[in-house]
N, C-alpha and C. Protein backbone atom coordinates (compact mmCIF):
# COMPACT_ATOMS: atom_id res chain seq x y z
N MET A 1 42.72 -3.89 -9.62
CA MET A 1 41.51 -3.90 -8.82
C MET A 1 41.08 -2.48 -8.45
N ASN A 2 42.06 -1.65 -8.11
CA ASN A 2 41.77 -0.28 -7.74
C ASN A 2 41.18 0.50 -8.93
N ARG A 3 41.72 0.22 -10.11
CA ARG A 3 41.22 0.87 -11.33
C ARG A 3 39.77 0.46 -11.60
N LEU A 4 39.47 -0.81 -11.40
CA LEU A 4 38.12 -1.31 -11.59
C LEU A 4 37.15 -0.63 -10.62
N LEU A 5 37.56 -0.44 -9.39
CA LEU A 5 36.73 0.25 -8.40
C LEU A 5 36.52 1.71 -8.79
N ASN A 6 37.54 2.35 -9.33
CA ASN A 6 37.40 3.74 -9.78
C ASN A 6 36.41 3.85 -10.94
N VAL A 7 36.50 2.92 -11.88
CA VAL A 7 35.56 2.90 -13.01
C VAL A 7 34.14 2.68 -12.49
N TRP A 8 34.01 1.71 -11.59
CA TRP A 8 32.69 1.41 -11.02
C TRP A 8 32.12 2.63 -10.30
N THR A 9 32.93 3.31 -9.52
CA THR A 9 32.50 4.50 -8.79
C THR A 9 32.06 5.60 -9.75
N GLU A 10 32.82 5.78 -10.82
CA GLU A 10 32.48 6.79 -11.82
C GLU A 10 31.16 6.46 -12.51
N LEU A 11 31.00 5.20 -12.93
CA LEU A 11 29.75 4.79 -13.58
C LEU A 11 28.56 4.92 -12.63
N ASP A 12 28.76 4.56 -11.38
CA ASP A 12 27.70 4.69 -10.39
C ASP A 12 27.30 6.15 -10.21
N GLY A 13 28.28 7.04 -10.22
CA GLY A 13 27.99 8.48 -10.11
C GLY A 13 27.21 8.99 -11.30
N ILE A 14 27.58 8.55 -12.51
CA ILE A 14 26.86 8.95 -13.72
C ILE A 14 25.42 8.43 -13.68
N ALA A 15 25.26 7.16 -13.30
CA ALA A 15 23.92 6.58 -13.20
C ALA A 15 23.08 7.33 -12.17
N GLY A 16 23.69 7.70 -11.05
CA GLY A 16 22.99 8.45 -10.02
C GLY A 16 22.54 9.81 -10.52
N ASP A 17 23.41 10.50 -11.29
CA ASP A 17 23.05 11.80 -11.86
C ASP A 17 21.88 11.67 -12.82
N ILE A 18 21.94 10.66 -13.68
CA ILE A 18 20.85 10.42 -14.64
C ILE A 18 19.56 10.11 -13.88
N GLY A 19 19.66 9.27 -12.86
CA GLY A 19 18.48 8.92 -12.07
C GLY A 19 17.85 10.13 -11.39
N ARG A 20 18.68 11.01 -10.86
CA ARG A 20 18.14 12.22 -10.21
C ARG A 20 17.46 13.13 -11.21
N ARG A 21 18.00 13.21 -12.40
CA ARG A 21 17.39 14.07 -13.44
C ARG A 21 16.08 13.49 -13.97
N LEU A 22 15.95 12.17 -13.89
CA LEU A 22 14.74 11.51 -14.41
C LEU A 22 13.83 10.99 -13.30
N ASN A 23 13.99 11.49 -12.08
CA ASN A 23 13.18 10.96 -10.97
C ASN A 23 11.69 11.24 -11.13
N TRP A 24 11.32 12.11 -12.03
CA TRP A 24 9.92 12.41 -12.31
C TRP A 24 9.30 11.35 -13.23
N PHE A 25 10.13 10.65 -13.98
CA PHE A 25 9.63 9.78 -15.04
C PHE A 25 8.83 8.59 -14.51
N GLY A 26 9.35 7.91 -13.49
CA GLY A 26 8.67 6.71 -12.97
C GLY A 26 7.27 7.01 -12.45
N PRO A 27 7.12 7.94 -11.51
CA PRO A 27 5.77 8.23 -11.01
C PRO A 27 4.84 8.77 -12.11
N THR A 28 5.38 9.55 -13.03
CA THR A 28 4.53 10.09 -14.11
C THR A 28 4.03 8.96 -15.01
N LEU A 29 4.94 8.07 -15.41
CA LEU A 29 4.56 6.95 -16.27
C LEU A 29 3.56 6.04 -15.55
N ALA A 30 3.84 5.72 -14.29
CA ALA A 30 2.93 4.87 -13.51
C ALA A 30 1.56 5.52 -13.40
N ARG A 31 1.53 6.82 -13.12
CA ARG A 31 0.26 7.55 -12.97
C ARG A 31 -0.54 7.51 -14.27
N LEU A 32 0.11 7.74 -15.39
CA LEU A 32 -0.60 7.75 -16.67
C LEU A 32 -1.11 6.36 -17.05
N ILE A 33 -0.31 5.33 -16.82
CA ILE A 33 -0.74 3.97 -17.17
C ILE A 33 -1.87 3.51 -16.25
N VAL A 34 -1.68 3.64 -14.95
CA VAL A 34 -2.71 3.20 -14.01
C VAL A 34 -3.97 4.04 -14.17
N GLY A 35 -3.80 5.34 -14.40
CA GLY A 35 -4.96 6.20 -14.62
C GLY A 35 -5.76 5.77 -15.84
N THR A 36 -5.06 5.44 -16.91
CA THR A 36 -5.74 4.98 -18.14
C THR A 36 -6.50 3.68 -17.89
N VAL A 37 -5.85 2.74 -17.20
CA VAL A 37 -6.49 1.45 -16.92
C VAL A 37 -7.78 1.65 -16.13
N PHE A 38 -7.71 2.43 -15.04
CA PHE A 38 -8.89 2.61 -14.21
C PHE A 38 -9.96 3.47 -14.88
N PHE A 39 -9.56 4.49 -15.60
CA PHE A 39 -10.52 5.33 -16.31
C PHE A 39 -11.32 4.51 -17.31
N GLN A 40 -10.61 3.71 -18.11
CA GLN A 40 -11.28 2.87 -19.11
C GLN A 40 -12.12 1.78 -18.45
N SER A 41 -11.58 1.17 -17.41
CA SER A 41 -12.31 0.13 -16.70
C SER A 41 -13.59 0.68 -16.08
N GLY A 42 -13.48 1.83 -15.43
CA GLY A 42 -14.65 2.46 -14.83
C GLY A 42 -15.70 2.81 -15.86
N TRP A 43 -15.25 3.35 -16.99
CA TRP A 43 -16.18 3.70 -18.06
C TRP A 43 -16.88 2.44 -18.59
N GLY A 44 -16.12 1.39 -18.80
CA GLY A 44 -16.70 0.14 -19.29
C GLY A 44 -17.71 -0.43 -18.30
N LYS A 45 -17.40 -0.36 -17.01
CA LYS A 45 -18.33 -0.87 -15.99
C LYS A 45 -19.57 0.00 -15.89
N LEU A 46 -19.41 1.31 -15.99
CA LEU A 46 -20.58 2.20 -15.95
C LEU A 46 -21.47 1.97 -17.16
N ASP A 47 -20.86 1.66 -18.29
CA ASP A 47 -21.61 1.40 -19.51
C ASP A 47 -22.33 0.05 -19.46
N ASN A 48 -21.87 -0.86 -18.64
CA ASN A 48 -22.47 -2.20 -18.50
C ASN A 48 -22.79 -2.47 -17.03
N LEU A 49 -23.44 -1.53 -16.38
CA LEU A 49 -23.67 -1.61 -14.95
C LEU A 49 -24.51 -2.82 -14.56
N ALA A 50 -25.43 -3.23 -15.41
CA ALA A 50 -26.26 -4.41 -15.10
C ALA A 50 -25.40 -5.67 -15.00
N GLN A 51 -24.44 -5.82 -15.91
CA GLN A 51 -23.56 -6.99 -15.87
C GLN A 51 -22.67 -6.97 -14.63
N VAL A 52 -22.18 -5.79 -14.27
CA VAL A 52 -21.34 -5.67 -13.08
C VAL A 52 -22.16 -5.99 -11.84
N THR A 53 -23.39 -5.51 -11.81
CA THR A 53 -24.28 -5.80 -10.68
C THR A 53 -24.54 -7.30 -10.59
N ASP A 54 -24.78 -7.96 -11.71
CA ASP A 54 -24.98 -9.41 -11.72
C ASP A 54 -23.74 -10.14 -11.19
N PHE A 55 -22.56 -9.69 -11.61
CA PHE A 55 -21.31 -10.31 -11.14
C PHE A 55 -21.16 -10.12 -9.63
N PHE A 56 -21.44 -8.93 -9.14
CA PHE A 56 -21.35 -8.67 -7.70
C PHE A 56 -22.38 -9.49 -6.94
N THR A 57 -23.55 -9.74 -7.55
CA THR A 57 -24.56 -10.60 -6.93
C THR A 57 -24.04 -12.02 -6.82
N GLU A 58 -23.41 -12.53 -7.90
CA GLU A 58 -22.82 -13.87 -7.88
C GLU A 58 -21.74 -14.01 -6.82
N LEU A 59 -21.00 -12.93 -6.58
CA LEU A 59 -19.96 -12.96 -5.55
C LEU A 59 -20.55 -12.93 -4.14
N GLY A 60 -21.85 -12.63 -4.05
CA GLY A 60 -22.50 -12.58 -2.74
C GLY A 60 -22.26 -11.29 -1.98
N LEU A 61 -21.90 -10.23 -2.71
CA LEU A 61 -21.68 -8.94 -2.05
C LEU A 61 -23.00 -8.33 -1.61
N PRO A 62 -23.03 -7.70 -0.44
CA PRO A 62 -24.25 -7.02 -0.02
C PRO A 62 -24.47 -5.78 -0.89
N LEU A 63 -25.73 -5.45 -1.12
CA LEU A 63 -26.10 -4.28 -1.93
C LEU A 63 -25.33 -4.25 -3.25
N PRO A 64 -25.46 -5.28 -4.07
CA PRO A 64 -24.62 -5.38 -5.28
C PRO A 64 -24.80 -4.22 -6.25
N ALA A 65 -26.02 -3.69 -6.39
CA ALA A 65 -26.24 -2.58 -7.33
C ALA A 65 -25.49 -1.33 -6.84
N PHE A 66 -25.59 -1.06 -5.55
CA PHE A 66 -24.89 0.09 -4.98
C PHE A 66 -23.37 -0.09 -5.09
N GLN A 67 -22.89 -1.27 -4.75
CA GLN A 67 -21.45 -1.51 -4.80
C GLN A 67 -20.92 -1.47 -6.23
N ALA A 68 -21.71 -1.94 -7.19
CA ALA A 68 -21.29 -1.88 -8.59
C ALA A 68 -21.16 -0.43 -9.04
N LEU A 69 -22.15 0.38 -8.68
CA LEU A 69 -22.09 1.79 -9.03
C LEU A 69 -20.93 2.49 -8.33
N LEU A 70 -20.73 2.17 -7.06
CA LEU A 70 -19.65 2.79 -6.29
C LEU A 70 -18.28 2.43 -6.87
N ALA A 71 -18.05 1.15 -7.12
CA ALA A 71 -16.74 0.71 -7.65
C ALA A 71 -16.50 1.28 -9.05
N SER A 72 -17.52 1.24 -9.89
CA SER A 72 -17.38 1.75 -11.26
C SER A 72 -17.12 3.25 -11.27
N SER A 73 -17.87 3.99 -10.47
CA SER A 73 -17.68 5.44 -10.38
C SER A 73 -16.32 5.79 -9.81
N THR A 74 -15.90 5.05 -8.80
CA THR A 74 -14.60 5.30 -8.19
C THR A 74 -13.49 5.09 -9.22
N GLU A 75 -13.55 4.00 -9.96
CA GLU A 75 -12.54 3.74 -10.98
C GLU A 75 -12.53 4.82 -12.05
N PHE A 76 -13.72 5.23 -12.49
CA PHE A 76 -13.82 6.23 -13.56
C PHE A 76 -13.31 7.60 -13.08
N VAL A 77 -13.82 8.07 -11.95
CA VAL A 77 -13.47 9.41 -11.47
C VAL A 77 -12.00 9.46 -11.02
N CYS A 78 -11.59 8.52 -10.19
CA CYS A 78 -10.21 8.53 -9.69
C CYS A 78 -9.21 8.23 -10.79
N GLY A 79 -9.57 7.37 -11.74
CA GLY A 79 -8.70 7.14 -12.90
C GLY A 79 -8.52 8.41 -13.71
N GLY A 80 -9.60 9.15 -13.90
CA GLY A 80 -9.52 10.44 -14.60
C GLY A 80 -8.66 11.44 -13.86
N LEU A 81 -8.80 11.48 -12.54
CA LEU A 81 -7.97 12.38 -11.73
C LEU A 81 -6.49 12.01 -11.86
N LEU A 82 -6.19 10.71 -11.87
CA LEU A 82 -4.80 10.29 -12.06
C LEU A 82 -4.28 10.72 -13.43
N LEU A 83 -5.09 10.57 -14.45
CA LEU A 83 -4.66 10.98 -15.79
C LEU A 83 -4.32 12.46 -15.83
N LEU A 84 -5.13 13.26 -15.18
CA LEU A 84 -4.90 14.71 -15.14
C LEU A 84 -3.79 15.09 -14.16
N GLY A 85 -3.52 14.21 -13.23
CA GLY A 85 -2.57 14.56 -12.18
C GLY A 85 -3.18 15.56 -11.22
N LEU A 86 -4.46 15.42 -10.96
CA LEU A 86 -5.20 16.34 -10.08
C LEU A 86 -5.64 15.57 -8.84
N ALA A 87 -5.30 16.09 -7.68
CA ALA A 87 -5.62 15.42 -6.40
C ALA A 87 -5.11 13.99 -6.43
N THR A 88 -3.94 13.82 -6.98
CA THR A 88 -3.37 12.50 -7.26
C THR A 88 -3.25 11.64 -6.02
N ARG A 89 -2.68 12.21 -4.96
CA ARG A 89 -2.48 11.42 -3.75
C ARG A 89 -3.81 10.99 -3.16
N PHE A 90 -4.79 11.86 -3.21
CA PHE A 90 -6.13 11.52 -2.73
C PHE A 90 -6.77 10.46 -3.62
N ALA A 91 -6.67 10.61 -4.93
CA ALA A 91 -7.33 9.70 -5.88
C ALA A 91 -6.78 8.29 -5.81
N ALA A 92 -5.52 8.14 -5.43
CA ALA A 92 -4.92 6.80 -5.36
C ALA A 92 -5.53 5.97 -4.23
N LEU A 93 -5.92 6.61 -3.15
CA LEU A 93 -6.40 5.87 -1.98
C LEU A 93 -7.69 5.09 -2.22
N PRO A 94 -8.74 5.69 -2.79
CA PRO A 94 -9.94 4.88 -3.06
C PRO A 94 -9.69 3.74 -4.04
N LEU A 95 -8.76 3.95 -4.97
CA LEU A 95 -8.45 2.88 -5.92
C LEU A 95 -7.73 1.73 -5.22
N ILE A 96 -6.90 2.04 -4.23
CA ILE A 96 -6.27 0.98 -3.44
C ILE A 96 -7.34 0.17 -2.72
N VAL A 97 -8.33 0.86 -2.16
CA VAL A 97 -9.42 0.17 -1.46
C VAL A 97 -10.19 -0.73 -2.43
N VAL A 98 -10.49 -0.22 -3.62
CA VAL A 98 -11.20 -1.02 -4.64
C VAL A 98 -10.40 -2.28 -4.97
N MET A 99 -9.09 -2.16 -5.09
CA MET A 99 -8.26 -3.33 -5.41
C MET A 99 -8.21 -4.32 -4.24
N ILE A 100 -8.16 -3.81 -3.02
CA ILE A 100 -8.17 -4.71 -1.86
C ILE A 100 -9.49 -5.48 -1.81
N VAL A 101 -10.60 -4.79 -2.06
CA VAL A 101 -11.91 -5.45 -2.08
C VAL A 101 -11.96 -6.48 -3.20
N ALA A 102 -11.41 -6.15 -4.36
CA ALA A 102 -11.39 -7.10 -5.48
C ALA A 102 -10.58 -8.34 -5.12
N LEU A 103 -9.44 -8.14 -4.47
CA LEU A 103 -8.63 -9.28 -4.05
C LEU A 103 -9.40 -10.16 -3.07
N ARG A 104 -10.04 -9.52 -2.11
CA ARG A 104 -10.73 -10.27 -1.04
C ARG A 104 -12.00 -10.96 -1.53
N THR A 105 -12.68 -10.37 -2.49
CA THR A 105 -13.97 -10.94 -2.91
C THR A 105 -13.84 -11.81 -4.16
N ALA A 106 -13.33 -11.25 -5.23
CA ALA A 106 -13.33 -11.96 -6.51
C ALA A 106 -12.13 -12.88 -6.70
N LEU A 107 -11.03 -12.62 -6.02
CA LEU A 107 -9.80 -13.36 -6.30
C LEU A 107 -9.27 -14.16 -5.12
N TRP A 108 -9.96 -14.14 -4.01
CA TRP A 108 -9.46 -14.76 -2.79
C TRP A 108 -9.14 -16.25 -2.97
N ASP A 109 -9.94 -16.95 -3.77
CA ASP A 109 -9.73 -18.38 -3.97
C ASP A 109 -8.46 -18.67 -4.79
N GLN A 110 -7.90 -17.66 -5.45
CA GLN A 110 -6.67 -17.83 -6.22
C GLN A 110 -5.42 -17.58 -5.38
N ILE A 111 -5.61 -17.08 -4.16
CA ILE A 111 -4.47 -16.71 -3.31
C ILE A 111 -4.22 -17.81 -2.29
N ASP A 112 -3.06 -18.46 -2.43
CA ASP A 112 -2.71 -19.50 -1.46
C ASP A 112 -1.39 -19.21 -0.76
N GLY A 113 -0.89 -18.01 -0.96
CA GLY A 113 0.35 -17.60 -0.31
C GLY A 113 0.83 -16.28 -0.86
N PHE A 114 1.96 -15.84 -0.34
CA PHE A 114 2.49 -14.53 -0.73
C PHE A 114 2.80 -14.48 -2.22
N SER A 115 3.42 -15.54 -2.77
CA SER A 115 3.80 -15.48 -4.18
C SER A 115 2.60 -15.44 -5.11
N SER A 116 1.53 -16.11 -4.74
CA SER A 116 0.34 -16.02 -5.60
C SER A 116 -0.32 -14.64 -5.47
N LEU A 117 -0.22 -14.04 -4.28
CA LEU A 117 -0.77 -12.70 -4.07
C LEU A 117 -0.03 -11.67 -4.92
N VAL A 118 1.30 -11.66 -4.84
CA VAL A 118 2.07 -10.65 -5.56
C VAL A 118 2.09 -10.91 -7.07
N GLY A 119 1.66 -12.08 -7.49
CA GLY A 119 1.57 -12.38 -8.91
C GLY A 119 0.31 -11.87 -9.57
N LEU A 120 -0.63 -11.36 -8.78
CA LEU A 120 -1.88 -10.85 -9.33
C LEU A 120 -1.73 -9.40 -9.77
N THR A 121 -2.35 -9.07 -10.90
CA THR A 121 -2.30 -7.71 -11.43
C THR A 121 -2.86 -6.71 -10.42
N GLU A 122 -3.89 -7.09 -9.70
CA GLU A 122 -4.51 -6.18 -8.73
C GLU A 122 -3.52 -5.79 -7.64
N PHE A 123 -2.66 -6.72 -7.24
CA PHE A 123 -1.64 -6.40 -6.24
C PHE A 123 -0.60 -5.44 -6.81
N LEU A 124 -0.26 -5.63 -8.07
CA LEU A 124 0.66 -4.71 -8.74
C LEU A 124 0.06 -3.31 -8.78
N TYR A 125 -1.23 -3.21 -9.06
CA TYR A 125 -1.90 -1.90 -9.03
C TYR A 125 -1.81 -1.27 -7.64
N ILE A 126 -1.99 -2.08 -6.61
CA ILE A 126 -1.89 -1.56 -5.24
C ILE A 126 -0.48 -1.00 -5.01
N ALA A 127 0.53 -1.73 -5.44
CA ALA A 127 1.91 -1.28 -5.25
C ALA A 127 2.17 0.02 -6.02
N LEU A 128 1.71 0.09 -7.26
CA LEU A 128 1.91 1.30 -8.05
C LEU A 128 1.13 2.48 -7.47
N LEU A 129 -0.09 2.22 -7.02
CA LEU A 129 -0.89 3.29 -6.42
C LEU A 129 -0.27 3.78 -5.12
N ALA A 130 0.31 2.88 -4.34
CA ALA A 130 0.99 3.30 -3.11
C ALA A 130 2.18 4.19 -3.46
N TRP A 131 2.92 3.84 -4.50
CA TRP A 131 4.04 4.67 -4.95
C TRP A 131 3.55 6.04 -5.40
N ILE A 132 2.48 6.06 -6.19
CA ILE A 132 1.91 7.32 -6.66
C ILE A 132 1.43 8.16 -5.49
N ALA A 133 0.79 7.52 -4.52
CA ALA A 133 0.27 8.25 -3.36
C ALA A 133 1.39 8.88 -2.54
N THR A 134 2.53 8.23 -2.49
CA THR A 134 3.63 8.77 -1.70
C THR A 134 4.55 9.68 -2.51
N SER A 135 4.68 9.43 -3.80
CA SER A 135 5.58 10.23 -4.63
C SER A 135 4.92 11.45 -5.25
N GLY A 136 3.62 11.40 -5.40
CA GLY A 136 2.91 12.50 -6.04
C GLY A 136 2.84 12.31 -7.54
N ALA A 137 2.26 13.30 -8.19
CA ALA A 137 1.94 13.20 -9.61
C ALA A 137 3.12 13.47 -10.54
N GLY A 138 4.11 14.19 -10.07
CA GLY A 138 5.22 14.55 -10.93
C GLY A 138 4.97 15.90 -11.59
N PRO A 139 5.97 16.40 -12.33
CA PRO A 139 5.88 17.76 -12.86
C PRO A 139 4.92 17.94 -14.04
N PHE A 140 4.50 16.87 -14.66
CA PHE A 140 3.56 16.99 -15.78
C PHE A 140 2.16 16.69 -15.27
N SER A 141 1.67 17.56 -14.38
CA SER A 141 0.39 17.32 -13.75
C SER A 141 -0.24 18.63 -13.31
N LEU A 142 -1.53 18.59 -13.08
CA LEU A 142 -2.21 19.76 -12.55
C LEU A 142 -1.85 20.00 -11.09
N ASP A 143 -1.54 18.94 -10.35
CA ASP A 143 -1.08 19.10 -8.97
C ASP A 143 0.18 19.96 -8.93
N TRP A 144 1.14 19.65 -9.78
CA TRP A 144 2.39 20.38 -9.82
C TRP A 144 2.14 21.84 -10.20
N LEU A 145 1.29 22.05 -11.22
CA LEU A 145 0.97 23.40 -11.66
C LEU A 145 0.29 24.18 -10.54
N TRP A 146 -0.63 23.53 -9.84
CA TRP A 146 -1.33 24.18 -8.72
C TRP A 146 -0.34 24.59 -7.63
N ARG A 147 0.57 23.69 -7.25
CA ARG A 147 1.58 24.02 -6.23
C ARG A 147 2.46 25.18 -6.69
N ARG A 148 2.80 25.19 -7.94
CA ARG A 148 3.66 26.25 -8.47
C ARG A 148 2.94 27.59 -8.44
N VAL A 149 1.67 27.62 -8.83
CA VAL A 149 0.89 28.87 -8.80
C VAL A 149 0.74 29.35 -7.36
N ARG A 150 0.42 28.43 -6.46
CA ARG A 150 0.25 28.81 -5.05
C ARG A 150 1.54 29.31 -4.44
N SER A 151 2.67 28.72 -4.81
CA SER A 151 3.93 29.17 -4.21
C SER A 151 4.32 30.55 -4.71
N THR A 152 3.97 30.89 -5.95
CA THR A 152 4.28 32.24 -6.44
C THR A 152 3.32 33.27 -5.86
N GLU A 153 2.08 32.85 -5.57
CA GLU A 153 1.13 33.78 -4.96
C GLU A 153 1.52 34.13 -3.53
N SER A 154 2.04 33.15 -2.80
CA SER A 154 2.35 33.37 -1.39
C SER A 154 3.79 33.79 -1.16
N ALA A 155 4.59 33.84 -2.22
CA ALA A 155 6.00 34.23 -2.06
C ALA A 155 6.08 35.71 -1.73
N PRO A 156 6.89 36.05 -0.76
CA PRO A 156 7.03 37.47 -0.41
C PRO A 156 7.70 38.24 -1.54
N THR A 157 7.25 39.42 -1.75
CA THR A 157 7.83 40.26 -2.79
C THR A 157 8.99 41.06 -2.23
N LEU A 158 10.00 41.24 -3.03
CA LEU A 158 11.17 42.00 -2.61
C LEU A 158 11.06 43.47 -3.00
N LEU A 159 10.07 43.78 -3.83
CA LEU A 159 9.90 45.16 -4.29
C LEU A 159 9.09 45.93 -3.25
N PRO A 160 9.42 47.20 -3.06
CA PRO A 160 8.64 47.99 -2.11
C PRO A 160 7.22 48.22 -2.63
N HIS A 161 6.30 48.32 -1.69
CA HIS A 161 4.90 48.55 -2.05
C HIS A 161 4.71 50.00 -2.45
N ARG A 162 4.07 50.23 -3.55
CA ARG A 162 3.82 51.61 -4.00
C ARG A 162 2.33 51.89 -3.90
N ALA A 163 2.02 53.01 -3.36
CA ALA A 163 0.60 53.40 -3.18
C ALA A 163 0.07 54.09 -4.37
């Protein structure tokens, strides 16, 4: 039994090391996938704005033309920002709002409890966007590059100043 616990402890340590080395992978993959989905969706809606406006009218939303343009533009712009990893934490928030509105307006009749809510793709997007908003874009992003450039600009120099 003691030997089994030692093996388990060793394997757990190896898995932990691998996980720490790859902790960038999950948020990066989520950001790229969700960014692609919203970028393409926004582009498709902007390209067919009349159909989106008609759908929003059928849903009974106020100012359907304005809301169609707002939702489509938000998906396109914020999805693009996610793809680039630029202003990632900011870009995730409007997309969460768009998904909450979609759940409340277009999908509300499909929700009869917690399990039906979490089974919807829109809820999964909310969960992924919340993770992205809290974890950041990861090292393969413009956000990371920007932070790196800013930290080297503001880092104190150890060399004496020469006139």
